[in-house]
Structures are given as structure tokens and as C-alpha cells.
Protein backbone atom coordinates (compact mmCIF):
# COMPACT_ATOMS: atom_id res chain seq x y z
CA MET A 1 -12.89 -46.39 16.27
CA GLY A 2 -13.03 -49.32 18.71
CA GLY A 3 -12.49 -52.03 16.07
CA PRO A 4 -9.39 -54.10 15.40
CA ARG A 5 -6.23 -52.33 14.35
CA ILE A 6 -5.21 -53.44 10.88
CA ASN A 7 -1.45 -53.11 11.32
CA SER A 8 -1.16 -53.92 15.03
CA HIS A 9 1.48 -56.57 14.28
CA LEU A 10 3.70 -53.78 12.94
CA ASP A 11 3.37 -51.97 16.26
CA ASP A 12 4.32 -55.20 18.06
CA ASP A 13 7.35 -55.68 15.78
CA GLU A 14 8.47 -52.12 16.37
CA LEU A 15 8.03 -52.52 20.13
CA PHE A 16 10.01 -55.76 20.05
CA ALA A 17 12.81 -54.12 18.03
CA ARG A 18 13.01 -51.22 20.49
CA SER A 19 13.07 -53.58 23.48
CA TYR A 20 15.71 -55.76 21.86
CA ASN A 21 17.90 -52.76 21.05
CA GLN A 22 17.49 -51.40 24.58
CA LEU A 23 18.55 -54.72 26.12
CA HIS A 24 21.50 -55.29 23.82
CA ARG A 25 22.98 -51.84 23.50
CA VAL A 26 26.41 -51.28 24.95
CA LYS A 27 26.01 -49.37 28.16
CA LYS A 28 28.42 -46.64 29.05
CA GLU A 29 30.36 -47.56 32.17
CA LYS A 30 29.40 -45.39 35.17
CA THR A 31 32.10 -43.63 37.13
CA ARG A 32 32.61 -44.41 40.81
CA GLU A 33 31.09 -41.03 41.69
CA GLN A 34 27.99 -41.77 39.59
CA ILE A 35 27.59 -45.16 41.29
CA VAL A 36 27.88 -43.67 44.79
CA LYS A 37 25.39 -40.94 43.87
CA SER A 38 22.90 -43.48 42.46
CA TYR A 39 23.00 -45.51 45.70
CA TRP A 40 22.57 -42.29 47.71
CA ASN A 41 19.59 -41.24 45.57
CA SER A 42 18.05 -44.70 45.83
CA MET A 43 18.35 -44.64 49.61
CA ASN A 44 16.77 -41.18 49.76
CA SER A 45 13.83 -42.17 47.55
CA ARG A 46 13.29 -45.40 49.50
CA ILE A 47 12.74 -43.63 52.84
CA LYS A 48 9.92 -41.53 51.37
CA LYS A 49 7.47 -44.39 50.81
CA GLY A 50 6.14 -47.75 51.92
CA ILE A 51 7.45 -49.57 54.96
CA TYR A 52 10.39 -47.15 55.30
CA LEU A 53 7.97 -44.26 55.74
CA GLU A 54 5.76 -46.31 58.09
CA LYS A 55 8.79 -47.16 60.26
CA SER A 56 10.05 -43.55 60.05
CA ILE A 57 13.42 -44.73 58.72
CA LYS A 58 15.80 -41.80 58.26
CA ILE A 59 19.28 -41.24 56.84
CA GLU A 60 21.64 -40.23 59.63
CA TRP A 61 24.70 -39.35 57.55
CA THR A 62 25.58 -36.65 55.08
CA PHE A 63 26.31 -37.40 51.46
CA GLN A 64 30.02 -36.85 52.14
CA GLU A 65 29.99 -39.34 55.06
CA PHE A 66 28.09 -41.83 52.93
CA SER A 67 30.49 -41.33 50.03
CA ASP A 68 33.50 -41.86 52.30
CA TRP A 69 31.90 -45.01 53.75
CA PHE A 70 31.01 -46.33 50.30
CA ASN A 71 34.54 -45.76 49.06
CA THR A 72 35.96 -47.77 51.99
CA LYS A 73 33.66 -50.60 50.82
CA TRP A 74 34.67 -50.32 47.16
CA ASP A 75 36.67 -53.58 47.12
CA ARG A 76 33.65 -55.41 48.56
CA PHE A 77 31.42 -53.71 45.96
CA GLU A 78 33.69 -54.98 43.16
CA THR A 79 33.93 -58.49 44.66
CA ILE A 80 30.14 -58.76 44.83
CA LYS A 81 29.82 -57.57 41.22
CA GLN A 82 32.52 -60.00 40.01
CA ALA A 83 30.53 -62.81 41.64
CA GLY A 84 27.63 -61.89 39.33
CA GLU A 85 25.60 -60.33 42.14
CA ILE A 86 24.21 -56.85 42.68
CA PRO A 87 25.76 -54.97 45.61
CA SER A 88 23.18 -53.83 48.16
CA ILE A 89 23.30 -51.65 51.25
CA ASP A 90 21.72 -53.54 54.13
CA ARG A 91 20.53 -52.05 57.39
CA ILE A 92 21.72 -54.56 59.98
CA ASP A 93 18.76 -53.70 62.22
CA SER A 94 15.93 -53.28 59.74
CA ASN A 95 13.97 -51.17 62.23
CA SER A 96 16.80 -48.65 62.58
CA ASN A 97 17.99 -45.82 60.39
CA TYR A 98 20.61 -45.70 57.67
CA SER A 99 23.84 -44.91 59.53
CA ILE A 100 27.48 -45.86 59.38
CA GLU A 101 27.03 -48.19 62.37
CA ASN A 102 23.90 -49.86 61.01
CA CYS A 103 24.84 -50.46 57.37
CA ARG A 104 26.87 -53.03 55.49
CA MET A 105 27.33 -53.92 51.85
CA ILE A 106 26.11 -57.39 50.90
CA PRO A 107 24.77 -59.09 47.76
CA MET A 108 21.16 -58.17 46.90
CA SER A 109 20.20 -61.86 46.94
CA VAL A 110 21.40 -62.15 50.55
CA ASN A 111 19.68 -58.90 51.51
CA SER A 112 16.38 -60.13 50.03
CA ALA A 113 16.70 -63.49 51.79
CA LEU A 114 17.37 -61.74 55.11
CA GLY A 115 14.27 -59.62 54.55
CA GLU A 116 12.19 -62.75 54.01
CA VAL A 117 13.66 -64.37 57.14
CA ASN A 118 12.90 -61.25 59.21
CA LEU A 119 9.34 -61.23 57.87
CA LEU A 120 8.92 -64.89 58.79
CA ILE A 121 10.34 -64.28 62.29
CA GLY A 122 7.86 -61.43 62.73
CA ARG A 123 4.97 -63.65 61.68
CA MET A 124 6.11 -66.42 64.02
CA LYS A 125 6.29 -63.97 66.96
CA THR A 126 2.78 -62.73 66.15
CA LEU A 127 1.51 -66.31 65.99
CA GLN A 128 3.24 -67.19 69.26
CA ARG A 129 1.67 -64.18 70.99
CA PHE A 130 -1.75 -65.02 69.55
CA LEU A 131 -1.54 -68.64 70.69
CA LYS A 132 -0.51 -67.64 74.21
CA GLU A 133 -3.46 -65.25 74.43
CA ASN A 134 -5.86 -67.89 73.05
CA GLU A 135 -4.45 -71.01 74.65
CA HIS A 136 -7.94 -72.28 75.42
CA TRP A 137 -8.47 -72.93 71.71
CA LEU A 138 -5.74 -75.52 71.71
CA LYS A 139 -6.97 -77.54 74.68
CA ASP A 140 -8.51 -80.89 74.08
CA GLU A 141 -12.29 -80.49 74.36
CA ARG A 142 -13.24 -84.14 74.05
CA PRO A 143 -15.67 -85.48 76.68
């Protein structure tokens, strides 16, 4: 029951073949409407968990408003894709909601880098506050 599996290499080969086929199959091109809907769904699922939920991030536009906005950004979407990047919807103020005024379309790599920069800025502000409150620790205590 708990011993070695005799043909486990066959399972590995089958798994590899399935993975290979999945990666190399020709994917059906999504329509513009499907793309817009997938970004809308992604945004809606994102606000229901993690830091988005902790910050109470909401979506302040209807699907139709979002769709209209997205379609005005379609050329930018295509330009980002043609550059080999993944288009991403960025909240300009990461503490604010998804809204027409607070969103822009940028490459995912830029969005991720901005997130890291904002995290670093937050840590530096926390450190600065801590050091101000505990200034006495930094004073020279030599006799």
C-alpha cells in the first residue's frame, strides 16, 4: 500500500506529455469583449481578498463604464502587447479605489516595479518614524 509504485515513471511521462501539449497547443484568440470581461472579472476577484480587502478597495464604476474606458485604451493595450509585455490596470493611488480617475493601463512589469517601490517607501517611512521616536538609541553613549 505505502510502498514504491512500480510504474511511477509512466505517470511522470504522461504528466510531462500533458504539460507539454498544454503549453504548445494553439490557443484560440480571445475577442475584445472576452478580454475586457476577463480584466473586469480579475479586478472583481482581486478586491475580495488580501491587501485589497484589508484596504477596503472597491470598484467605483459599472461594467459598461469600465468597458468604455478599456476600449478607449485599446491602442495602448495593443502597444503593450506588441512590446512583449502584459497589459495591466494600475491604480495610480494604490490606497484608492478602482475608478476612471484613478486607473491607467501600463505594462505589468512596470506595475509590479511600482508596487515594490511603494512598499519600500512605506517601509522607509515606518523606519523614519521609529527612529524619530527612539532617537536616544542613536546617540553616542561613549564615556
